[in-house]
N, C-alpha and C. Protein backbone atom coordinates (compact mmCIF):
# COMPACT_ATOMS: atom_id res chain seq x y z
N UNK A 1 0.83 -1.20 0.00
CA UNK A 1 0.00 0.00 0.00
C UNK A 1 0.86 1.26 0.00
N UNK A 2 2.05 1.12 0.57
CA UNK A 2 2.97 2.25 0.70
C UNK A 2 2.33 3.42 1.44
N UNK A 3 1.36 3.11 2.27
CA UNK A 3 0.68 4.11 3.08
C UNK A 3 1.13 3.96 4.52
N UNK A 4 1.53 5.04 5.17
CA UNK A 4 1.92 4.92 6.58
C UNK A 4 0.71 4.50 7.42
N UNK A 5 0.94 3.52 8.28
CA UNK A 5 -0.11 3.06 9.18
C UNK A 5 -1.04 2.02 8.62
N UNK A 6 -0.87 1.65 7.36
CA UNK A 6 -1.73 0.64 6.75
C UNK A 6 -0.89 -0.24 5.84
N UNK A 7 -0.63 -1.46 6.30
CA UNK A 7 0.20 -2.38 5.53
C UNK A 7 -0.64 -3.55 5.05
N UNK A 8 -0.33 -4.01 3.88
CA UNK A 8 -0.96 -5.24 3.37
C UNK A 8 -0.23 -6.43 3.98
N UNK A 9 -0.84 -7.60 3.85
CA UNK A 9 -0.20 -8.80 4.39
C UNK A 9 1.12 -9.08 3.67
N UNK A 10 1.18 -8.82 2.37
CA UNK A 10 2.44 -9.07 1.65
C UNK A 10 3.55 -8.12 2.11
N UNK A 11 3.21 -6.90 2.51
CA UNK A 11 4.21 -5.99 3.08
C UNK A 11 4.64 -6.47 4.47
N UNK A 12 3.71 -7.00 5.23
CA UNK A 12 4.04 -7.52 6.56
C UNK A 12 4.97 -8.72 6.44
N UNK A 13 4.71 -9.61 5.47
CA UNK A 13 5.58 -10.77 5.28
C UNK A 13 7.02 -10.34 5.01
N UNK A 14 7.19 -9.30 4.22
CA UNK A 14 8.53 -8.78 3.94
C UNK A 14 9.15 -8.22 5.22
N UNK A 15 8.37 -7.51 6.01
CA UNK A 15 8.84 -6.94 7.27
C UNK A 15 9.25 -8.03 8.26
N UNK A 16 8.57 -9.17 8.23
CA UNK A 16 8.83 -10.24 9.21
C UNK A 16 10.23 -10.84 9.08
N UNK A 17 10.86 -10.71 7.91
CA UNK A 17 12.23 -11.19 7.76
C UNK A 17 13.15 -10.35 8.63
N UNK A 18 13.70 -10.97 9.67
CA UNK A 18 14.58 -10.27 10.59
C UNK A 18 13.86 -9.61 11.76
N UNK A 19 12.53 -9.72 11.80
CA UNK A 19 11.77 -9.13 12.90
C UNK A 19 11.55 -10.17 14.00
N UNK A 20 11.22 -9.70 15.18
CA UNK A 20 10.87 -10.58 16.30
C UNK A 20 9.35 -10.57 16.44
N UNK A 21 8.75 -11.75 16.38
CA UNK A 21 7.29 -11.86 16.46
C UNK A 21 6.87 -12.24 17.87
N UNK A 22 5.80 -11.60 18.34
CA UNK A 22 5.23 -11.84 19.67
C UNK A 22 3.74 -12.12 19.51
N UNK A 23 3.11 -12.57 20.61
CA UNK A 23 1.69 -12.91 20.60
C UNK A 23 1.00 -12.14 21.73
N UNK A 24 -0.10 -11.45 21.41
CA UNK A 24 -0.92 -10.78 22.42
C UNK A 24 -2.04 -11.75 22.77
N UNK A 25 -1.91 -12.42 23.90
CA UNK A 25 -2.86 -13.47 24.25
C UNK A 25 -4.27 -12.93 24.45
N UNK A 26 -4.39 -11.76 25.05
CA UNK A 26 -5.71 -11.18 25.31
C UNK A 26 -6.47 -10.92 24.01
N UNK A 27 -5.77 -10.48 22.98
CA UNK A 27 -6.40 -10.16 21.70
C UNK A 27 -6.29 -11.29 20.69
N UNK A 28 -5.49 -12.28 21.00
CA UNK A 28 -5.30 -13.46 20.14
C UNK A 28 -4.77 -13.07 18.76
N UNK A 29 -3.78 -12.17 18.75
CA UNK A 29 -3.15 -11.73 17.50
C UNK A 29 -1.65 -11.56 17.69
N UNK A 30 -0.90 -11.69 16.60
CA UNK A 30 0.54 -11.46 16.68
C UNK A 30 0.90 -10.00 16.41
N UNK A 31 2.11 -9.65 16.81
CA UNK A 31 2.70 -8.39 16.39
C UNK A 31 4.20 -8.65 16.23
N UNK A 32 4.85 -7.81 15.46
CA UNK A 32 6.27 -8.00 15.19
C UNK A 32 7.01 -6.68 15.40
N UNK A 33 8.26 -6.81 15.83
CA UNK A 33 9.12 -5.65 16.10
C UNK A 33 10.42 -5.81 15.31
N UNK A 34 10.82 -4.74 14.65
CA UNK A 34 12.13 -4.69 13.99
C UNK A 34 12.66 -3.28 14.16
N UNK A 35 13.74 -3.15 14.90
CA UNK A 35 14.29 -1.82 15.16
C UNK A 35 13.30 -0.99 15.94
N UNK A 36 12.97 0.19 15.41
CA UNK A 36 12.01 1.06 16.09
C UNK A 36 10.62 0.98 15.47
N UNK A 37 10.38 -0.05 14.66
CA UNK A 37 9.08 -0.23 14.03
C UNK A 37 8.38 -1.47 14.60
N UNK A 38 7.07 -1.41 14.65
CA UNK A 38 6.30 -2.58 15.04
C UNK A 38 5.02 -2.60 14.20
N UNK A 39 4.46 -3.80 14.05
CA UNK A 39 3.22 -3.94 13.31
C UNK A 39 2.38 -5.03 13.96
N UNK A 40 1.11 -4.75 14.15
CA UNK A 40 0.15 -5.75 14.58
C UNK A 40 -0.55 -6.28 13.35
N UNK A 41 -0.86 -7.56 13.33
CA UNK A 41 -1.42 -8.15 12.11
C UNK A 41 -2.16 -9.44 12.43
N UNK A 42 -2.83 -9.97 11.44
CA UNK A 42 -3.43 -11.30 11.53
C UNK A 42 -2.54 -12.28 10.79
N UNK A 43 -2.60 -13.52 11.22
CA UNK A 43 -1.92 -14.60 10.50
C UNK A 43 -2.84 -15.81 10.52
N UNK A 44 -2.35 -16.93 10.04
CA UNK A 44 -3.21 -18.12 9.98
C UNK A 44 -3.70 -18.53 11.36
N UNK A 45 -2.84 -18.41 12.37
CA UNK A 45 -3.24 -18.80 13.73
C UNK A 45 -4.37 -17.90 14.25
N UNK A 46 -4.26 -16.59 14.06
CA UNK A 46 -5.32 -15.69 14.53
C UNK A 46 -6.60 -15.90 13.72
N UNK A 47 -6.47 -16.22 12.44
CA UNK A 47 -7.65 -16.53 11.63
C UNK A 47 -8.34 -17.79 12.13
N UNK A 48 -7.57 -18.77 12.60
CA UNK A 48 -8.17 -20.00 13.13
C UNK A 48 -9.02 -19.69 14.35
N UNK A 49 -8.55 -18.81 15.21
CA UNK A 49 -9.30 -18.43 16.41
C UNK A 49 -10.56 -17.67 16.02
N UNK A 50 -10.44 -16.75 15.08
CA UNK A 50 -11.60 -15.97 14.64
C UNK A 50 -12.62 -16.84 13.92
N UNK A 51 -12.16 -17.76 13.10
CA UNK A 51 -13.08 -18.65 12.39
C UNK A 51 -13.83 -19.54 13.37
N UNK A 52 -13.14 -19.99 14.41
CA UNK A 52 -13.82 -20.81 15.43
C UNK A 52 -14.88 -20.00 16.16
N UNK A 53 -14.59 -18.73 16.41
CA UNK A 53 -15.56 -17.83 17.05
C UNK A 53 -16.80 -17.68 16.16
N UNK A 54 -16.59 -17.51 14.87
CA UNK A 54 -17.70 -17.41 13.92
C UNK A 54 -18.55 -18.67 13.97
N UNK A 55 -17.89 -19.83 13.96
CA UNK A 55 -18.62 -21.10 14.01
C UNK A 55 -19.33 -21.31 15.34
N UNK A 56 -18.64 -21.05 16.44
CA UNK A 56 -19.23 -21.26 17.77
C UNK A 56 -20.48 -20.41 17.97
N UNK A 57 -20.48 -19.21 17.40
CA UNK A 57 -21.62 -18.31 17.56
C UNK A 57 -22.63 -18.43 16.42
N UNK A 58 -22.37 -19.36 15.53
CA UNK A 58 -23.28 -19.66 14.41
C UNK A 58 -23.61 -18.42 13.58
N UNK A 59 -22.55 -17.59 13.36
CA UNK A 59 -22.71 -16.45 12.47
C UNK A 59 -22.79 -16.97 11.04
N UNK A 60 -23.30 -16.18 10.16
CA UNK A 60 -23.48 -16.61 8.78
C UNK A 60 -22.21 -16.59 7.94
N UNK A 61 -21.14 -16.03 8.44
CA UNK A 61 -19.91 -15.97 7.67
C UNK A 61 -18.97 -14.93 8.25
N UNK A 62 -17.94 -14.62 7.50
CA UNK A 62 -16.94 -13.65 7.92
C UNK A 62 -16.74 -12.64 6.79
N UNK A 63 -16.29 -11.46 7.14
CA UNK A 63 -16.07 -10.39 6.18
C UNK A 63 -14.58 -10.12 6.07
N UNK A 64 -14.09 -10.02 4.86
CA UNK A 64 -12.70 -9.66 4.60
C UNK A 64 -12.72 -8.26 4.01
N UNK A 65 -11.99 -7.35 4.64
CA UNK A 65 -12.03 -5.94 4.24
C UNK A 65 -11.63 -5.74 2.78
N UNK A 66 -10.51 -6.33 2.38
CA UNK A 66 -10.02 -6.11 1.02
C UNK A 66 -9.17 -7.30 0.58
N UNK A 67 -9.58 -7.95 -0.49
CA UNK A 67 -8.84 -9.12 -0.97
C UNK A 67 -7.42 -8.76 -1.41
N UNK A 68 -7.24 -7.56 -1.94
CA UNK A 68 -5.91 -7.21 -2.44
C UNK A 68 -4.92 -6.88 -1.32
N UNK A 69 -5.36 -6.92 -0.06
CA UNK A 69 -4.44 -6.74 1.06
C UNK A 69 -3.76 -8.06 1.43
N UNK A 70 -4.25 -9.17 0.91
CA UNK A 70 -3.62 -10.48 1.12
C UNK A 70 -2.46 -10.59 0.12
N UNK A 71 -1.67 -11.63 0.23
CA UNK A 71 -0.58 -11.87 -0.73
C UNK A 71 -1.18 -12.50 -1.98
N UNK A 72 -1.76 -11.66 -2.84
CA UNK A 72 -2.49 -12.15 -4.00
C UNK A 72 -1.61 -12.88 -5.00
N UNK A 73 -0.33 -12.56 -5.05
CA UNK A 73 0.56 -13.23 -6.00
C UNK A 73 1.19 -14.49 -5.41
N UNK A 74 1.27 -14.54 -4.09
CA UNK A 74 1.93 -15.66 -3.43
C UNK A 74 3.44 -15.54 -3.40
N UNK A 75 3.98 -14.43 -3.89
CA UNK A 75 5.43 -14.27 -4.00
C UNK A 75 6.09 -13.77 -2.71
N UNK A 76 5.36 -13.06 -1.87
CA UNK A 76 5.98 -12.42 -0.72
C UNK A 76 6.00 -13.31 0.52
N UNK A 77 4.90 -13.97 0.80
CA UNK A 77 4.79 -14.77 2.02
C UNK A 77 5.18 -16.23 1.78
N UNK A 78 5.25 -16.62 0.52
CA UNK A 78 5.60 -17.99 0.14
C UNK A 78 4.66 -19.01 0.79
N UNK A 79 3.37 -18.66 0.80
CA UNK A 79 2.33 -19.54 1.35
C UNK A 79 1.25 -19.79 0.31
N UNK A 80 1.56 -19.54 -0.96
CA UNK A 80 0.57 -19.67 -2.02
C UNK A 80 -0.19 -18.37 -2.20
N UNK A 81 -1.01 -18.33 -3.25
CA UNK A 81 -1.81 -17.13 -3.51
C UNK A 81 -2.91 -16.99 -2.48
N UNK A 82 -3.14 -15.76 -2.05
CA UNK A 82 -4.18 -15.43 -1.06
C UNK A 82 -4.12 -16.36 0.15
N UNK A 83 -3.00 -16.42 0.87
CA UNK A 83 -2.88 -17.39 1.96
C UNK A 83 -3.89 -17.19 3.09
N UNK A 84 -4.17 -15.95 3.46
CA UNK A 84 -5.11 -15.72 4.57
C UNK A 84 -6.54 -16.02 4.15
N UNK A 85 -6.96 -15.49 3.02
CA UNK A 85 -8.33 -15.70 2.57
C UNK A 85 -8.57 -17.18 2.27
N UNK A 86 -7.59 -17.84 1.66
CA UNK A 86 -7.73 -19.27 1.37
C UNK A 86 -7.84 -20.08 2.66
N UNK A 87 -7.03 -19.71 3.65
CA UNK A 87 -7.08 -20.42 4.93
C UNK A 87 -8.43 -20.18 5.63
N UNK A 88 -8.90 -18.95 5.60
CA UNK A 88 -10.19 -18.63 6.19
C UNK A 88 -11.30 -19.44 5.52
N UNK A 89 -11.26 -19.51 4.22
CA UNK A 89 -12.26 -20.29 3.48
C UNK A 89 -12.24 -21.74 3.92
N UNK A 90 -11.05 -22.32 4.00
CA UNK A 90 -10.97 -23.74 4.39
C UNK A 90 -11.43 -23.95 5.83
N UNK A 91 -11.18 -22.98 6.70
CA UNK A 91 -11.62 -23.09 8.10
C UNK A 91 -13.14 -23.00 8.22
N UNK A 92 -13.73 -22.07 7.50
CA UNK A 92 -15.17 -21.88 7.61
C UNK A 92 -15.95 -23.01 6.95
N UNK A 93 -15.37 -23.64 5.96
CA UNK A 93 -16.07 -24.71 5.26
C UNK A 93 -15.63 -26.09 5.69
N UNK A 94 -14.80 -26.17 6.74
CA UNK A 94 -14.45 -27.49 7.27
C UNK A 94 -15.60 -27.99 8.11
N UNK A 95 -15.68 -29.27 8.26
CA UNK A 95 -16.73 -29.93 9.03
C UNK A 95 -18.12 -29.67 8.48
N UNK A 96 -18.21 -29.25 7.23
CA UNK A 96 -19.51 -29.10 6.60
C UNK A 96 -19.84 -30.43 5.96
N UNK A 97 -20.85 -31.08 6.49
CA UNK A 97 -21.22 -32.39 5.99
C UNK A 97 -22.27 -32.26 4.91
N UNK A 98 -22.22 -33.11 3.90
CA UNK A 98 -23.25 -33.04 2.87
C UNK A 98 -24.60 -33.42 3.47
N UNK A 99 -25.68 -32.86 2.97
CA UNK A 99 -26.99 -33.19 3.52
C UNK A 99 -27.32 -34.66 3.28
N UNK A 100 -27.94 -35.27 4.28
CA UNK A 100 -28.34 -36.67 4.14
C UNK A 100 -29.74 -36.78 3.57
N UNK A 101 -30.45 -35.67 3.55
CA UNK A 101 -31.78 -35.64 2.96
C UNK A 101 -31.82 -34.47 2.00
N UNK A 102 -32.85 -34.40 1.21
CA UNK A 102 -32.95 -33.29 0.26
C UNK A 102 -33.15 -31.99 1.03
N UNK A 103 -32.64 -30.92 0.46
CA UNK A 103 -32.76 -29.62 1.10
C UNK A 103 -34.21 -29.15 1.04
N UNK A 104 -34.68 -28.49 2.12
CA UNK A 104 -36.05 -27.97 2.08
C UNK A 104 -36.13 -26.81 1.10
N UNK A 105 -37.29 -26.59 0.58
CA UNK A 105 -37.51 -25.47 -0.30
C UNK A 105 -37.28 -24.19 0.47
N UNK A 106 -36.66 -23.21 -0.14
CA UNK A 106 -36.42 -21.94 0.53
C UNK A 106 -37.60 -20.99 0.37
N UNK A 107 -38.58 -21.39 -0.42
CA UNK A 107 -39.75 -20.55 -0.60
C UNK A 107 -40.72 -20.75 0.55
N UNK A 108 -41.34 -19.65 0.96
CA UNK A 108 -42.38 -19.77 1.96
C UNK A 108 -43.69 -20.04 1.23
N UNK A 109 -44.65 -20.55 1.95
CA UNK A 109 -45.97 -20.75 1.37
C UNK A 109 -46.92 -19.76 2.01
N UNK A 110 -47.86 -19.27 1.24
CA UNK A 110 -48.77 -18.26 1.74
C UNK A 110 -50.21 -18.74 1.65
N UNK A 111 -50.96 -18.44 2.69
CA UNK A 111 -52.38 -18.75 2.72
C UNK A 111 -53.11 -17.45 3.02
N UNK A 112 -53.90 -16.91 2.06
CA UNK A 112 -54.60 -15.66 2.33
C UNK A 112 -55.77 -15.88 3.29
N UNK A 113 -55.99 -14.89 4.16
CA UNK A 113 -57.12 -14.90 5.08
C UNK A 113 -57.93 -13.65 4.76
N UNK A 114 -59.18 -13.82 4.39
CA UNK A 114 -60.01 -12.69 4.00
C UNK A 114 -60.93 -12.27 5.14
N UNK A 115 -61.54 -11.10 4.99
CA UNK A 115 -62.42 -10.59 6.04
C UNK A 115 -61.62 -9.75 7.01
N UNK A 116 -62.07 -9.68 8.24
CA UNK A 116 -61.40 -8.88 9.27
C UNK A 116 -60.35 -9.74 9.96
N UNK A 117 -59.34 -10.14 9.20
CA UNK A 117 -58.27 -10.97 9.73
C UNK A 117 -57.25 -10.16 10.50
N UNK A 118 -56.14 -10.77 10.79
CA UNK A 118 -55.07 -10.18 11.59
C UNK A 118 -54.64 -8.82 11.05
N UNK A 119 -54.57 -8.67 9.74
CA UNK A 119 -54.00 -7.47 9.14
C UNK A 119 -54.98 -6.31 8.99
N UNK A 120 -56.22 -6.51 9.33
CA UNK A 120 -57.20 -5.45 9.17
C UNK A 120 -56.73 -4.21 9.95
N UNK A 121 -56.54 -3.09 9.24
CA UNK A 121 -56.13 -1.84 9.86
C UNK A 121 -54.64 -1.72 10.15
N UNK A 122 -53.85 -2.73 9.78
CA UNK A 122 -52.40 -2.69 10.06
C UNK A 122 -51.64 -2.17 8.84
N UNK A 123 -50.46 -1.63 9.11
CA UNK A 123 -49.55 -1.17 8.05
C UNK A 123 -48.98 -2.39 7.34
N UNK A 124 -48.78 -2.28 6.01
CA UNK A 124 -48.17 -3.38 5.25
C UNK A 124 -46.83 -3.78 5.86
N UNK A 125 -46.59 -5.08 5.93
CA UNK A 125 -45.33 -5.58 6.47
C UNK A 125 -45.52 -6.97 7.05
N UNK A 126 -44.47 -7.48 7.66
CA UNK A 126 -44.50 -8.81 8.27
C UNK A 126 -44.62 -8.68 9.78
N UNK A 127 -45.37 -9.61 10.37
CA UNK A 127 -45.62 -9.60 11.81
C UNK A 127 -45.45 -11.00 12.38
N UNK A 128 -44.98 -11.05 13.62
CA UNK A 128 -44.78 -12.33 14.32
C UNK A 128 -46.13 -12.99 14.57
N UNK A 129 -46.19 -14.29 14.38
CA UNK A 129 -47.35 -15.09 14.77
C UNK A 129 -47.00 -15.72 16.11
N UNK A 130 -47.49 -15.14 17.20
CA UNK A 130 -47.12 -15.62 18.54
C UNK A 130 -47.64 -17.04 18.80
N UNK A 131 -48.61 -17.49 18.05
CA UNK A 131 -49.17 -18.83 18.24
C UNK A 131 -48.38 -19.91 17.52
N UNK A 132 -47.58 -19.52 16.52
CA UNK A 132 -46.82 -20.51 15.75
C UNK A 132 -45.57 -19.84 15.19
N UNK A 133 -44.40 -20.02 15.83
CA UNK A 133 -43.19 -19.32 15.38
C UNK A 133 -42.66 -19.78 14.02
N UNK A 134 -43.18 -20.89 13.49
CA UNK A 134 -42.73 -21.33 12.16
C UNK A 134 -43.49 -20.61 11.05
N UNK A 135 -44.44 -19.76 11.44
CA UNK A 135 -45.18 -18.96 10.46
C UNK A 135 -45.11 -17.49 10.87
N UNK A 136 -45.49 -16.62 9.95
CA UNK A 136 -45.60 -15.20 10.26
C UNK A 136 -46.69 -14.61 9.38
N UNK A 137 -47.22 -13.48 9.81
CA UNK A 137 -48.26 -12.80 9.05
C UNK A 137 -47.61 -11.80 8.10
N UNK A 138 -48.05 -11.84 6.85
CA UNK A 138 -47.64 -10.82 5.88
C UNK A 138 -48.88 -10.02 5.55
N UNK A 139 -48.84 -8.73 5.85
CA UNK A 139 -49.98 -7.86 5.62
C UNK A 139 -49.77 -7.04 4.35
N UNK A 140 -50.74 -7.14 3.43
CA UNK A 140 -50.69 -6.39 2.19
C UNK A 140 -52.07 -5.80 1.95
N UNK A 141 -52.17 -4.48 2.01
CA UNK A 141 -53.44 -3.78 1.78
C UNK A 141 -54.56 -4.34 2.65
N UNK A 142 -54.27 -4.64 3.90
CA UNK A 142 -55.28 -5.13 4.83
C UNK A 142 -55.58 -6.61 4.72
N UNK A 143 -55.00 -7.28 3.74
CA UNK A 143 -55.21 -8.72 3.58
C UNK A 143 -54.12 -9.47 4.33
N UNK A 144 -54.51 -10.50 5.06
CA UNK A 144 -53.58 -11.31 5.85
C UNK A 144 -53.13 -12.52 5.04
N UNK A 145 -51.83 -12.66 4.89
CA UNK A 145 -51.25 -13.86 4.29
C UNK A 145 -50.44 -14.55 5.37
N UNK A 146 -50.70 -15.82 5.60
CA UNK A 146 -49.91 -16.57 6.57
C UNK A 146 -48.78 -17.23 5.81
N UNK A 147 -47.56 -16.79 6.11
CA UNK A 147 -46.37 -17.33 5.45
C UNK A 147 -45.77 -18.42 6.33
N UNK A 148 -45.33 -19.50 5.73
CA UNK A 148 -44.71 -20.60 6.46
C UNK A 148 -43.23 -20.66 6.14
N UNK A 149 -42.41 -20.68 7.17
CA UNK A 149 -40.96 -20.78 6.98
C UNK A 149 -40.60 -22.18 6.49
N UNK A 150 -39.47 -22.33 5.80
CA UNK A 150 -38.99 -23.66 5.42
C UNK A 150 -38.78 -24.54 6.66
N UNK A 151 -38.67 -25.83 6.44
CA UNK A 151 -38.53 -26.80 7.53
C UNK A 151 -37.39 -26.42 8.48
N UNK A 152 -37.63 -26.58 9.77
CA UNK A 152 -36.66 -26.35 10.85
C UNK A 152 -36.29 -24.88 11.05
N UNK A 153 -37.05 -23.97 10.48
CA UNK A 153 -36.78 -22.54 10.65
C UNK A 153 -37.95 -21.87 11.35
N UNK A 154 -37.65 -20.76 12.04
CA UNK A 154 -38.69 -19.95 12.66
C UNK A 154 -38.51 -18.50 12.21
N UNK A 155 -39.59 -17.75 12.28
CA UNK A 155 -39.55 -16.35 11.87
C UNK A 155 -38.87 -15.50 12.94
N UNK A 156 -37.99 -14.59 12.49
CA UNK A 156 -37.28 -13.69 13.39
C UNK A 156 -37.57 -12.26 12.93
N UNK A 157 -38.25 -11.50 13.75
CA UNK A 157 -38.64 -10.13 13.40
C UNK A 157 -37.43 -9.22 13.22
N UNK A 158 -36.35 -9.45 14.01
CA UNK A 158 -35.18 -8.57 13.94
C UNK A 158 -34.58 -8.53 12.54
N UNK A 159 -34.50 -9.69 11.89
CA UNK A 159 -33.93 -9.71 10.53
C UNK A 159 -35.03 -9.77 9.47
N UNK A 160 -36.29 -9.91 9.92
CA UNK A 160 -37.43 -10.07 9.01
C UNK A 160 -37.17 -11.24 8.07
N UNK A 161 -36.79 -12.38 8.69
CA UNK A 161 -36.43 -13.56 7.91
C UNK A 161 -36.65 -14.82 8.75
N UNK A 162 -36.57 -15.96 8.11
CA UNK A 162 -36.66 -17.24 8.80
C UNK A 162 -35.25 -17.71 9.13
N UNK A 163 -35.05 -18.14 10.37
CA UNK A 163 -33.72 -18.53 10.85
C UNK A 163 -33.80 -19.86 11.57
N UNK A 164 -32.64 -20.51 11.73
CA UNK A 164 -32.58 -21.71 12.56
C UNK A 164 -32.76 -21.30 14.01
N UNK A 165 -33.47 -22.12 14.77
CA UNK A 165 -33.65 -21.79 16.19
C UNK A 165 -32.82 -22.66 17.07
């Protein structure tokens, strides 16, 4: 990057030659010192800890700020092309077992309810069905549609989507 205060992983790999590397246990990340310079960074070990955190908390994935900050050529770190992103990918997709049954349809099913149903007088939108968390009410112009989430999912108002419970 050649920007002060912002180094790419390939620049860090070059810096690590002749540097002393340390580990900050509280933050679970390495840093390196050479002369009067130091740099904090991620490496494969810190990615392993972060990927496990993502899995343990059942997050939907991880975000990488910029792919071109990794060693995209593989020439600097000598760990292959995109060593950090590739490692993260392998960590997040490890232990993923193929489904033993067919995948449920991702489409919801709708059943309209006419008359003075749930949505009468309500603003258009989706609403929680407190009697059945696997369904939710979709209100359109005062008409109530009962939407059913795919198998093993329940409606979550916070994301306005069906999620695993």
